[in-house]
Amino acid sequence: MNTFQVPTRYMMRSAAVELSREELSARVPSAFAEKAHEDTTSRYSFFPTATVIEALRDSGWAPVSVQEQTAREEGRKGFQKHLVRFHRRSEINTTPLGDSRIELVMMNSHDGGCAFRLYAGVFRQVCSNGLVVSDATYGAVSIRHTHRTIEEVITTSQKIAGDSGRIGDSIESFRQRTLTDEEKLNFASRALTLRYDSVEESPVYPAKLLEPVRLADQGNSLWQTFNVVQERMMRGSRPDRLKALREGRRLGRVRKITGLDSQLAMNRDLWELAASYLN
């Protein structure tokens, strides 16, 4: 699997705070483009991210963190791919799902680089780690920038926001499911193959993904195992000296994922992997 990652400019606060329009504009200017990039065709429908942000804000969703992809070409600066995360305003800095809360994740660009996308997600307070849940089970939308109006985009986005509450039921099921040691290793092995061609070709043994960062993640529940592996896959693992020694290879580790598309894809795949252990 190709693991090339696009560098991003990333801003997230440890304590969630609703970002004002002025703060967002300063941090992610590409979200506030007033027109599409000049290279887009006449068939391109312009969905201004700023308009959708304010519509979701009016619906009770507060933008709390942003990312912007680094523009590879100077002429595309200010139009490039960007991502905005929203929390329910009433739940900011609370954890109604035990250690987590629902969030919405929106991606868009104004240069034809991607479709408008909105996903339901989960934000875990203890590690400031956001994830995107399976779009096969919960709300998600991907709208190409053709033959649609901004009103349609807003209506669809608000519907997904309203349907996101069912995620809590799955989290509770994850908490109730206890994994054996063999199942935990199997989970970590399958997680590695989401990113590498095989477990053998990965830079670490599966057990390296099961090393928790904090005491709260020590345990055998599917929820604890999922969160430990998700954090290691997204933020990077510790170096695996044993694998390097046994196989006569350079010391390696799972590296942090920084590309916007790679982050979303890995989070969705990991959620679907976890859900498969409930069957």
C-alpha atoms as a PDB file:
ATOM      1  CA  MET A   1       0.000   0.000   0.000  1.00  0.00           C
ATOM      2  CA  ASN A   2       1.272   3.467  -0.865  1.00  0.00           C
ATOM      3  CA  THR A   3       2.060   5.343   2.344  1.00  0.00           C
ATOM      4  CA  PHE A   4       3.094   8.670   0.820  1.00  0.00           C
ATOM      5  CA  GLN A   5       1.877  11.454   3.069  1.00  0.00           C
ATOM      6  CA  VAL A   6       1.236  15.051   2.101  1.00  0.00           C
ATOM      7  CA  PRO A   7       2.654  17.533   4.638  1.00  0.00           C
ATOM      8  CA  THR A   8       0.004  19.578   6.406  1.00  0.00           C
ATOM      9  CA  ARG A   9      -0.235  22.627   8.586  1.00  0.00           C
ATOM     10  CA  TYR A  10      -2.013  21.444  11.708  1.00  0.00           C
ATOM     11  CA  MET A  11      -3.612  23.246  14.623  1.00  0.00           C
ATOM     12  CA  MET A  12      -5.523  21.577  17.469  1.00  0.00           C
ATOM     13  CA  ARG A  13      -6.119  22.796  20.988  1.00  0.00           C
ATOM     14  CA  SER A  14      -5.877  20.409  23.940  1.00  0.00           C
ATOM     15  CA  ALA A  15      -9.000  22.036  25.380  1.00  0.00           C
ATOM     16  CA  ALA A  16     -11.699  22.470  22.747  1.00  0.00           C
ATOM     17  CA  VAL A  17     -12.706  26.068  22.131  1.00  0.00           C
ATOM     18  CA  GLU A  18     -15.108  27.273  19.466  1.00  0.00           C
ATOM     19  CA  LEU A  19     -13.086  29.065  16.809  1.00  0.00           C
ATOM     20  CA  SER A  20     -14.428  32.374  15.559  1.00  0.00           C
ATOM     21  CA  ARG A  21     -14.674  33.232  11.885  1.00  0.00           C
ATOM     22  CA  GLU A  22     -11.629  35.476  12.295  1.00  0.00           C
ATOM     23  CA  GLU A  23      -9.575  32.691  13.924  1.00  0.00           C
ATOM     24  CA  LEU A  24     -10.547  30.210  11.229  1.00  0.00           C
ATOM     25  CA  SER A  25      -9.712  32.672   8.473  1.00  0.00           C
ATOM     26  CA  ALA A  26      -6.274  33.264   9.958  1.00  0.00           C
ATOM     27  CA  ARG A  27      -5.518  29.561  10.419  1.00  0.00           C
ATOM     28  CA  VAL A  28      -7.078  28.115   7.267  1.00  0.00           C
ATOM     29  CA  PRO A  29      -7.380  30.859   4.650  1.00  0.00           C
ATOM     30  CA  SER A  30      -8.213  28.299   1.952  1.00  0.00           C
ATOM     31  CA  ALA A  31     -11.592  27.686   3.638  1.00  0.00           C
ATOM     32  CA  PHE A  32     -12.511  31.318   2.982  1.00  0.00           C
ATOM     33  CA  ALA A  33     -11.817  31.501  -0.744  1.00  0.00           C
ATOM     34  CA  GLU A  34     -14.469  33.693  -2.360  1.00  0.00           C
ATOM     35  CA  LYS A  35     -14.335  31.901  -5.709  1.00  0.00           C
ATOM     36  CA  ALA A  36     -12.980  28.724  -7.253  1.00  0.00           C
ATOM     37  CA  HIS A  37      -9.428  28.498  -8.539  1.00  0.00           C
ATOM     38  CA  GLU A  38      -9.036  29.815 -12.074  1.00  0.00           C
ATOM     39  CA  ASP A  39      -8.053  26.381 -13.392  1.00  0.00           C
ATOM     40  CA  THR A  40     -11.458  24.835 -12.601  1.00  0.00           C
ATOM     41  CA  THR A  41     -13.864  24.368 -15.504  1.00  0.00           C
ATOM     42  CA  SER A  42     -17.275  25.908 -16.123  1.00  0.00           C
ATOM     43  CA  ARG A  43     -18.881  22.672 -14.872  1.00  0.00           C
ATOM     44  CA  TYR A  44     -17.323  23.143 -11.417  1.00  0.00           C
ATOM     45  CA  SER A  45     -19.820  24.104  -8.706  1.00  0.00           C
ATOM     46  CA  PHE A  46     -18.276  26.295  -6.026  1.00  0.00           C
ATOM     47  CA  PHE A  47     -19.192  25.106  -2.494  1.00  0.00           C
ATOM     48  CA  PRO A  48     -17.654  27.734  -0.176  1.00  0.00           C
ATOM     49  CA  THR A  49     -16.488  26.026   2.990  1.00  0.00           C
ATOM     50  CA  ALA A  50     -17.083  29.200   5.009  1.00  0.00           C
ATOM     51  CA  THR A  51     -20.811  29.118   4.168  1.00  0.00           C
ATOM     52  CA  VAL A  52     -21.174  25.490   5.284  1.00  0.00           C
ATOM     53  CA  ILE A  53     -19.247  26.243   8.487  1.00  0.00           C
ATOM     54  CA  GLU A  54     -21.675  29.010   9.412  1.00  0.00           C
ATOM     55  CA  ALA A  55     -24.705  26.832   8.557  1.00  0.00           C
ATOM     56  CA  LEU A  56     -23.434  24.082  10.862  1.00  0.00           C
ATOM     57  CA  ARG A  57     -22.584  26.679  13.501  1.00  0.00           C
ATOM     58  CA  ASP A  58     -26.202  27.882  13.355  1.00  0.00           C
ATOM     59  CA  SER A  59     -27.274  24.240  13.858  1.00  0.00           C
ATOM     60  CA  GLY A  60     -25.308  23.988  17.104  1.00  0.00           C
ATOM     61  CA  TRP A  61     -22.015  22.597  15.788  1.00  0.00           C
ATOM     62  CA  ALA A  62     -18.895  24.530  16.784  1.00  0.00           C
ATOM     63  CA  PRO A  63     -15.691  24.426  14.687  1.00  0.00           C
ATOM     64  CA  VAL A  64     -12.867  23.525  17.087  1.00  0.00           C
ATOM     65  CA  SER A  65      -9.852  22.464  15.019  1.00  0.00           C
ATOM     66  CA  VAL A  66      -8.535  22.826  11.484  1.00  0.00           C
ATOM     67  CA  GLN A  67      -5.944  21.458   9.099  1.00  0.00           C
ATOM     68  CA  GLU A  68      -4.764  22.761   5.761  1.00  0.00           C
ATOM     69  CA  GLN A  69      -2.763  20.852   3.193  1.00  0.00           C
ATOM     70  CA  THR A  70       0.419  22.535   2.058  1.00  0.00           C
ATOM     71  CA  ALA A  71      -0.051  23.855  -1.470  1.00  0.00           C
ATOM     72  CA  ARG A  72       2.414  22.237  -3.849  1.00  0.00           C
ATOM     73  CA  GLU A  73       2.085  25.115  -6.300  1.00  0.00           C
ATOM     74  CA  GLU A  74       2.224  28.752  -5.256  1.00  0.00           C
ATOM     75  CA  GLY A  75      -0.724  29.560  -7.514  1.00  0.00           C
ATOM     76  CA  ARG A  76      -2.984  27.171  -5.583  1.00  0.00           C
ATOM     77  CA  LYS A  77      -2.234  28.678  -2.192  1.00  0.00           C
ATOM     78  CA  GLY A  78      -5.496  29.829  -0.650  1.00  0.00           C
ATOM     79  CA  PHE A  79      -7.566  27.239  -2.569  1.00  0.00           C
ATOM     80  CA  GLN A  80      -6.035  23.951  -1.394  1.00  0.00           C
ATOM     81  CA  LYS A  81      -7.550  21.025   0.500  1.00  0.00           C
ATOM     82  CA  HIS A  82      -8.567  21.732   4.098  1.00  0.00           C
ATOM     83  CA  LEU A  83     -10.297  19.955   6.981  1.00  0.00           C
ATOM     84  CA  VAL A  84     -12.504  21.321   9.780  1.00  0.00           C
ATOM     85  CA  ARG A  85     -13.672  19.420  12.868  1.00  0.00           C
ATOM     86  CA  PHE A  86     -16.871  20.335  14.717  1.00  0.00           C
ATOM     87  CA  HIS A  87     -18.170  19.451  18.177  1.00  0.00           C
ATOM     88  CA  ARG A  88     -21.659  20.026  19.460  1.00  0.00           C
ATOM     89  CA  ARG A  89     -21.506  23.373  21.215  1.00  0.00           C
ATOM     90  CA  SER A  90     -23.405  21.959  24.195  1.00  0.00           C
ATOM     91  CA  GLU A  91     -20.807  19.175  24.606  1.00  0.00           C
ATOM     92  CA  ILE A  92     -17.544  21.087  24.289  1.00  0.00           C
ATOM     93  CA  ASN A  93     -15.136  19.863  26.992  1.00  0.00           C
ATOM     94  CA  THR A  94     -17.600  17.219  28.184  1.00  0.00           C
ATOM     95  CA  THR A  95     -17.488  13.488  27.479  1.00  0.00           C
ATOM     96  CA  PRO A  96     -21.078  12.226  27.157  1.00  0.00           C
ATOM     97  CA  LEU A  97     -19.786   8.931  25.743  1.00  0.00           C
ATOM     98  CA  GLY A  98     -17.600   8.080  28.731  1.00  0.00           C
ATOM     99  CA  ASP A  99     -14.264   9.393  27.472  1.00  0.00           C
ATOM    100  CA  SER A 100     -15.431  10.657  24.095  1.00  0.00           C
ATOM    101  CA  ARG A 101     -17.886  12.851  22.228  1.00  0.00           C
ATOM    102  CA  ILE A 102     -19.321  12.988  18.737  1.00  0.00           C
ATOM    103  CA  GLU A 103     -17.746  15.216  16.134  1.00  0.00           C
ATOM    104  CA  LEU A 104     -18.224  16.056  12.476  1.00  0.00           C
ATOM    105  CA  VAL A 105     -15.261  16.073  10.098  1.00  0.00           C
ATOM    106  CA  MET A 106     -15.523  18.164   6.935  1.00  0.00           C
ATOM    107  CA  MET A 107     -13.061  18.217   4.030  1.00  0.00           C
ATOM    108  CA  ASN A 108     -13.206  20.446   0.982  1.00  0.00           C
ATOM    109  CA  SER A 109     -11.040  22.326  -1.501  1.00  0.00           C
ATOM    110  CA  HIS A 110     -11.633  25.162  -3.910  1.00  0.00           C
ATOM    111  CA  ASP A 111      -9.193  24.093  -6.611  1.00  0.00           C
ATOM    112  CA  GLY A 112     -10.851  20.915  -7.854  1.00  0.00           C
ATOM    113  CA  GLY A 113      -8.543  18.800  -5.699  1.00  0.00           C
ATOM    114  CA  CYS A 114     -11.298  16.853  -3.951  1.00  0.00           C
ATOM    115  CA  ALA A 115     -15.018  16.458  -3.550  1.00  0.00           C
ATOM    116  CA  PHE A 116     -16.837  18.050  -0.615  1.00  0.00           C
ATOM    117  CA  ARG A 117     -16.877  15.425   2.149  1.00  0.00           C
ATOM    118  CA  LEU A 118     -18.475  15.273   5.569  1.00  0.00           C
ATOM    119  CA  TYR A 119     -18.177  12.386   8.032  1.00  0.00           C
ATOM    120  CA  ALA A 120     -19.468  11.540  11.475  1.00  0.00           C
ATOM    121  CA  GLY A 121     -16.638  10.920  13.910  1.00  0.00           C
ATOM    122  CA  VAL A 122     -15.555  10.510  17.524  1.00  0.00           C
ATOM    123  CA  PHE A 123     -13.183  12.681  19.565  1.00  0.00           C
ATOM    124  CA  ARG A 124     -11.505  10.966  22.510  1.00  0.00           C
ATOM    125  CA  GLN A 125     -10.723  13.538  25.194  1.00  0.00           C
ATOM    126  CA  VAL A 126      -7.882  11.727  26.951  1.00  0.00           C
ATOM    127  CA  CYS A 127      -5.591  11.766  23.932  1.00  0.00           C
ATOM    128  CA  SER A 128      -7.084  14.503  21.711  1.00  0.00           C
ATOM    129  CA  ASN A 129      -7.310  11.801  19.064  1.00  0.00           C
ATOM    130  CA  GLY A 130     -10.024  12.233  16.463  1.00  0.00           C
ATOM    131  CA  LEU A 131     -11.264   9.344  14.354  1.00  0.00           C
ATOM    132  CA  VAL A 132     -13.738   8.905  11.531  1.00  0.00           C
ATOM    133  CA  VAL A 133     -16.281   6.121  11.790  1.00  0.00           C
ATOM    134  CA  SER A 134     -17.345   3.841   8.979  1.00  0.00           C
ATOM    135  CA  ASP A 135     -19.318   5.578   6.278  1.00  0.00           C
ATOM    136  CA  ALA A 136     -21.021   2.237   5.608  1.00  0.00           C
ATOM    137  CA  THR A 137     -22.755   2.418   8.967  1.00  0.00           C
ATOM    138  CA  TYR A 138     -23.130   6.094   9.833  1.00  0.00           C
ATOM    139  CA  GLY A 139     -23.638   9.373   8.094  1.00  0.00           C
ATOM    140  CA  ALA A 140     -21.191  10.377   5.414  1.00  0.00           C
ATOM    141  CA  VAL A 141     -21.398  12.333   2.215  1.00  0.00           C
ATOM    142  CA  SER A 142     -19.094  12.904  -0.724  1.00  0.00           C
ATOM    143  CA  ILE A 143     -20.396  15.446  -3.219  1.00  0.00           C
ATOM    144  CA  ARG A 144     -18.600  16.236  -6.448  1.00  0.00           C
ATOM    145  CA  HIS A 145     -18.390  19.896  -7.365  1.00  0.00           C
ATOM    146  CA  THR A 146     -20.801  19.545 -10.298  1.00  0.00           C
ATOM    147  CA  HIS A 147     -24.532  20.142 -10.722  1.00  0.00           C
ATOM    148  CA  ARG A 148     -25.181  20.789  -7.039  1.00  0.00           C
ATOM    149  CA  THR A 149     -26.073  23.922  -5.137  1.00  0.00           C
ATOM    150  CA  ILE A 150     -24.678  25.098  -1.826  1.00  0.00           C
ATOM    151  CA  GLU A 151     -28.198  24.748  -0.371  1.00  0.00           C
ATOM    152  CA  GLU A 152     -28.145  21.011  -1.185  1.00  0.00           C
ATOM    153  CA  VAL A 153     -24.741  20.640   0.445  1.00  0.00           C
ATOM    154  CA  ILE A 154     -25.930  22.401   3.606  1.00  0.00           C
ATOM    155  CA  THR A 155     -29.124  20.338   3.820  1.00  0.00           C
ATOM    156  CA  THR A 156     -27.183  17.076   3.449  1.00  0.00           C
ATOM    157  CA  SER A 157     -24.607  18.177   6.030  1.00  0.00           C
ATOM    158  CA  GLN A 158     -27.294  19.013   8.570  1.00  0.00           C
ATOM    159  CA  LYS A 159     -28.932  15.604   8.040  1.00  0.00           C
ATOM    160  CA  ILE A 160     -25.665  13.806   8.784  1.00  0.00           C
ATOM    161  CA  ALA A 161     -25.210  15.933  11.885  1.00  0.00           C
ATOM    162  CA  GLY A 162     -28.650  14.846  13.073  1.00  0.00           C
ATOM    163  CA  ASP A 163     -27.991  11.141  12.428  1.00  0.00           C
ATOM    164  CA  SER A 164     -24.635  10.960  14.232  1.00  0.00           C
ATOM    165  CA  GLY A 165     -25.987  10.081  17.686  1.00  0.00           C
ATOM    166  CA  ARG A 166     -26.154   6.352  16.952  1.00  0.00           C
ATOM    167  CA  ILE A 167     -22.370   6.127  17.204  1.00  0.00           C
ATOM    168  CA  GLY A 168     -22.655   5.953  20.998  1.00  0.00           C
ATOM    169  CA  ASP A 169     -24.366   2.570  20.759  1.00  0.00           C
ATOM    170  CA  SER A 170     -21.408   1.102  18.892  1.00  0.00           C
ATOM    171  CA  ILE A 171     -18.913   2.528  21.373  1.00  0.00           C
ATOM    172  CA  GLU A 172     -20.799   0.845  24.213  1.00  0.00           C
ATOM    173  CA  SER A 173     -20.699  -2.442  22.278  1.00  0.00           C
ATOM    174  CA  PHE A 174     -16.942  -2.017  21.853  1.00  0.00           C
ATOM    175  CA  ARG A 175     -16.625  -1.529  25.606  1.00  0.00           C
ATOM    176  CA  GLN A 176     -18.605  -4.666  26.383  1.00  0.00           C
ATOM    177  CA  ARG A 177     -16.645  -6.929  23.998  1.00  0.00           C
ATOM    178  CA  THR A 178     -13.654  -8.598  25.694  1.00  0.00           C
ATOM    179  CA  LEU A 179     -10.815  -9.798  23.481  1.00  0.00           C
ATOM    180  CA  THR A 180      -8.473 -12.697  24.175  1.00  0.00           C
ATOM    181  CA  ASP A 181      -4.734 -12.147  23.875  1.00  0.00           C
ATOM    182  CA  GLU A 182      -4.856 -14.001  20.558  1.00  0.00           C
ATOM    183  CA  GLU A 183      -7.637 -11.723  19.291  1.00  0.00           C
ATOM    184  CA  LYS A 184      -5.709  -8.616  20.309  1.00  0.00           C
ATOM    185  CA  LEU A 185      -2.655  -9.760  18.347  1.00  0.00           C
ATOM    186  CA  ASN A 186      -4.913 -10.608  15.420  1.00  0.00           C
ATOM    187  CA  PHE A 187      -6.421  -7.108  15.576  1.00  0.00           C
ATOM    188  CA  ALA A 188      -2.964  -5.497  15.571  1.00  0.00           C
ATOM    189  CA  SER A 189      -1.816  -7.715  12.704  1.00  0.00           C
ATOM    190  CA  ARG A 190      -4.830  -6.816  10.582  1.00  0.00           C
ATOM    191  CA  ALA A 191      -4.277  -3.142  11.400  1.00  0.00           C
ATOM    192  CA  LEU A 192      -0.710  -3.319  10.065  1.00  0.00           C
ATOM    193  CA  THR A 193      -1.928  -4.775   6.774  1.00  0.00           C
ATOM    194  CA  LEU A 194      -4.111  -1.699   6.292  1.00  0.00           C
ATOM    195  CA  ARG A 195      -0.908   0.235   5.778  1.00  0.00           C
ATOM    196  CA  TYR A 196       1.697  -2.313   4.667  1.00  0.00           C
ATOM    197  CA  ASP A 197       1.626  -5.115   2.114  1.00  0.00           C
ATOM    198  CA  SER A 198       2.024  -7.716   4.858  1.00  0.00           C
ATOM    199  CA  VAL A 199       2.818  -8.050   8.549  1.00  0.00           C
ATOM    200  CA  GLU A 200       6.243  -9.396   7.603  1.00  0.00           C
ATOM    201  CA  GLU A 201       7.046  -6.254   5.608  1.00  0.00           C
ATOM    202  CA  SER A 202       5.905  -3.878   8.333  1.00  0.00           C
ATOM    203  CA  PRO A 203       8.619  -2.197  10.453  1.00  0.00           C
ATOM    204  CA  VAL A 204       7.270  -3.567  13.771  1.00  0.00           C
ATOM    205  CA  TYR A 205       5.771  -6.718  15.223  1.00  0.00           C
ATOM    206  CA  PRO A 206       2.000  -6.491  15.931  1.00  0.00           C
ATOM    207  CA  ALA A 207       2.641  -6.496  19.670  1.00  0.00           C
ATOM    208  CA  LYS A 208       4.304  -3.084  19.311  1.00  0.00           C
ATOM    209  CA  LEU A 209       0.927  -1.574  18.425  1.00  0.00           C
ATOM    210  CA  LEU A 210      -0.583  -2.932  21.642  1.00  0.00           C
ATOM    211  CA  GLU A 211       1.646  -0.909  23.958  1.00  0.00           C
ATOM    212  CA  PRO A 212      -0.696   1.595  25.668  1.00  0.00           C
ATOM    213  CA  VAL A 213       0.325   5.194  26.182  1.00  0.00           C
ATOM    214  CA  ARG A 214      -1.768   5.649  29.338  1.00  0.00           C
ATOM    215  CA  LEU A 215      -3.157   3.565  32.199  1.00  0.00           C
ATOM    216  CA  ALA A 216      -6.759   4.033  31.060  1.00  0.00           C
ATOM    217  CA  ASP A 217      -5.976   2.005  27.934  1.00  0.00           C
ATOM    218  CA  GLN A 218      -4.636  -1.027  29.771  1.00  0.00           C
ATOM    219  CA  GLY A 219      -7.223  -3.751  29.392  1.00  0.00           C
ATOM    220  CA  ASN A 220      -8.763  -6.309  27.087  1.00  0.00           C
ATOM    221  CA  SER A 221     -11.905  -4.610  25.861  1.00  0.00           C
ATOM    222  CA  LEU A 222     -12.333  -4.007  22.150  1.00  0.00           C
ATOM    223  CA  TRP A 223     -12.652  -0.272  22.871  1.00  0.00           C
ATOM    224  CA  GLN A 224      -9.327  -0.156  24.750  1.00  0.00           C
ATOM    225  CA  THR A 225      -7.560  -2.284  22.134  1.00  0.00           C
ATOM    226  CA  PHE A 226      -8.982  -0.227  19.292  1.00  0.00           C
ATOM    227  CA  ASN A 227      -7.882   3.062  20.853  1.00  0.00           C
ATOM    228  CA  VAL A 228      -4.355   1.825  21.601  1.00  0.00           C
ATOM    229  CA  VAL A 229      -3.866   0.539  18.056  1.00  0.00           C
ATOM    230  CA  GLN A 230      -5.522   3.597  16.507  1.00  0.00           C
ATOM    231  CA  GLU A 231      -3.196   5.956  18.364  1.00  0.00           C
ATOM    232  CA  ARG A 232      -0.106   3.931  17.416  1.00  0.00           C
ATOM    233  CA  MET A 233      -1.159   3.750  13.766  1.00  0.00           C
ATOM    234  CA  MET A 234      -2.012   7.440  13.550  1.00  0.00           C
ATOM    235  CA  ARG A 235       0.678   9.013  15.746  1.00  0.00           C
ATOM    236  CA  GLY A 236       3.420   6.445  15.337  1.00  0.00           C
ATOM    237  CA  SER A 237       4.765   3.519  17.330  1.00  0.00           C
ATOM    238  CA  ARG A 238       7.907   3.043  19.347  1.00  0.00           C
ATOM    239  CA  PRO A 239      10.929   1.579  17.486  1.00  0.00           C
ATOM    240  CA  ASP A 240      10.947  -2.226  17.350  1.00  0.00           C
ATOM    241  CA  ARG A 241      14.481  -3.235  18.288  1.00  0.00           C
ATOM    242  CA  LEU A 242      13.585  -6.941  18.532  1.00  0.00           C
ATOM    243  CA  LYS A 243      12.329  -7.127  14.930  1.00  0.00           C
ATOM    244  CA  ALA A 244      15.358  -5.216  13.677  1.00  0.00           C
ATOM    245  CA  LEU A 245      17.739  -7.555  15.540  1.00  0.00           C
ATOM    246  CA  ARG A 246      16.031 -10.801  14.522  1.00  0.00           C
ATOM    247  CA  GLU A 247      15.646  -9.871  10.861  1.00  0.00           C
ATOM    248  CA  GLY A 248      18.909  -7.983  10.437  1.00  0.00           C
ATOM    249  CA  ARG A 249      17.128  -4.840   9.293  1.00  0.00           C
ATOM    250  CA  ARG A 250      17.307  -1.171  10.148  1.00  0.00           C
ATOM    251  CA  LEU A 251      15.527  -0.079  13.299  1.00  0.00           C
ATOM    252  CA  GLY A 252      12.028   0.932  12.289  1.00  0.00           C
ATOM    253  CA  ARG A 253       8.743   2.199  13.606  1.00  0.00           C
ATOM    254  CA  VAL A 254       5.258   2.969  12.326  1.00  0.00           C
ATOM    255  CA  ARG A 255       5.462   6.622  11.360  1.00  0.00           C
ATOM    256  CA  LYS A 256       2.878   9.273  12.088  1.00  0.00           C
ATOM    257  CA  ILE A 257       0.264   9.803   9.382  1.00  0.00           C
ATOM    258  CA  THR A 258       0.092  13.454   8.343  1.00  0.00           C
ATOM    259  CA  GLY A 259      -1.752  13.489   5.009  1.00  0.00           C
ATOM    260  CA  LEU A 260      -5.406  14.518   5.225  1.00  0.00           C
ATOM    261  CA  ASP A 261      -6.700  11.754   2.945  1.00  0.00           C
ATOM    262  CA  SER A 262      -4.489   9.170   4.639  1.00  0.00           C
ATOM    263  CA  GLN A 263      -5.773  10.162   8.089  1.00  0.00           C
ATOM    264  CA  LEU A 264      -9.414   9.847   7.061  1.00  0.00           C
ATOM    265  CA  ALA A 265      -8.920   6.565   5.225  1.00  0.00           C
ATOM    266  CA  MET A 266      -6.969   4.937   8.057  1.00  0.00           C
ATOM    267  CA  ASN A 267      -9.491   5.995  10.679  1.00  0.00           C
ATOM    268  CA  ARG A 268     -12.404   4.637   8.656  1.00  0.00           C
ATOM    269  CA  ASP A 269     -10.597   1.358   8.014  1.00  0.00           C
ATOM    270  CA  LEU A 270      -9.695   0.916  11.682  1.00  0.00           C
ATOM    271  CA  TRP A 271     -13.283   1.560  12.776  1.00  0.00           C
ATOM    272  CA  GLU A 272     -14.555  -1.034  10.301  1.00  0.00           C
ATOM    273  CA  LEU A 273     -11.911  -3.460  11.530  1.00  0.00           C
ATOM    274  CA  ALA A 274     -13.064  -3.003  15.128  1.00  0.00           C
ATOM    275  CA  ALA A 275     -16.718  -3.405  14.134  1.00  0.00           C
ATOM    276  CA  SER A 276     -15.902  -6.763  12.528  1.00  0.00           C
ATOM    277  CA  TYR A 277     -15.105  -8.155  16.005  1.00  0.00           C
ATOM    278  CA  LEU A 278     -18.711  -7.628  17.063  1.00  0.00           C
ATOM    279  CA  ASN A 279     -20.014 -10.151  14.524  1.00  0.00           C
END
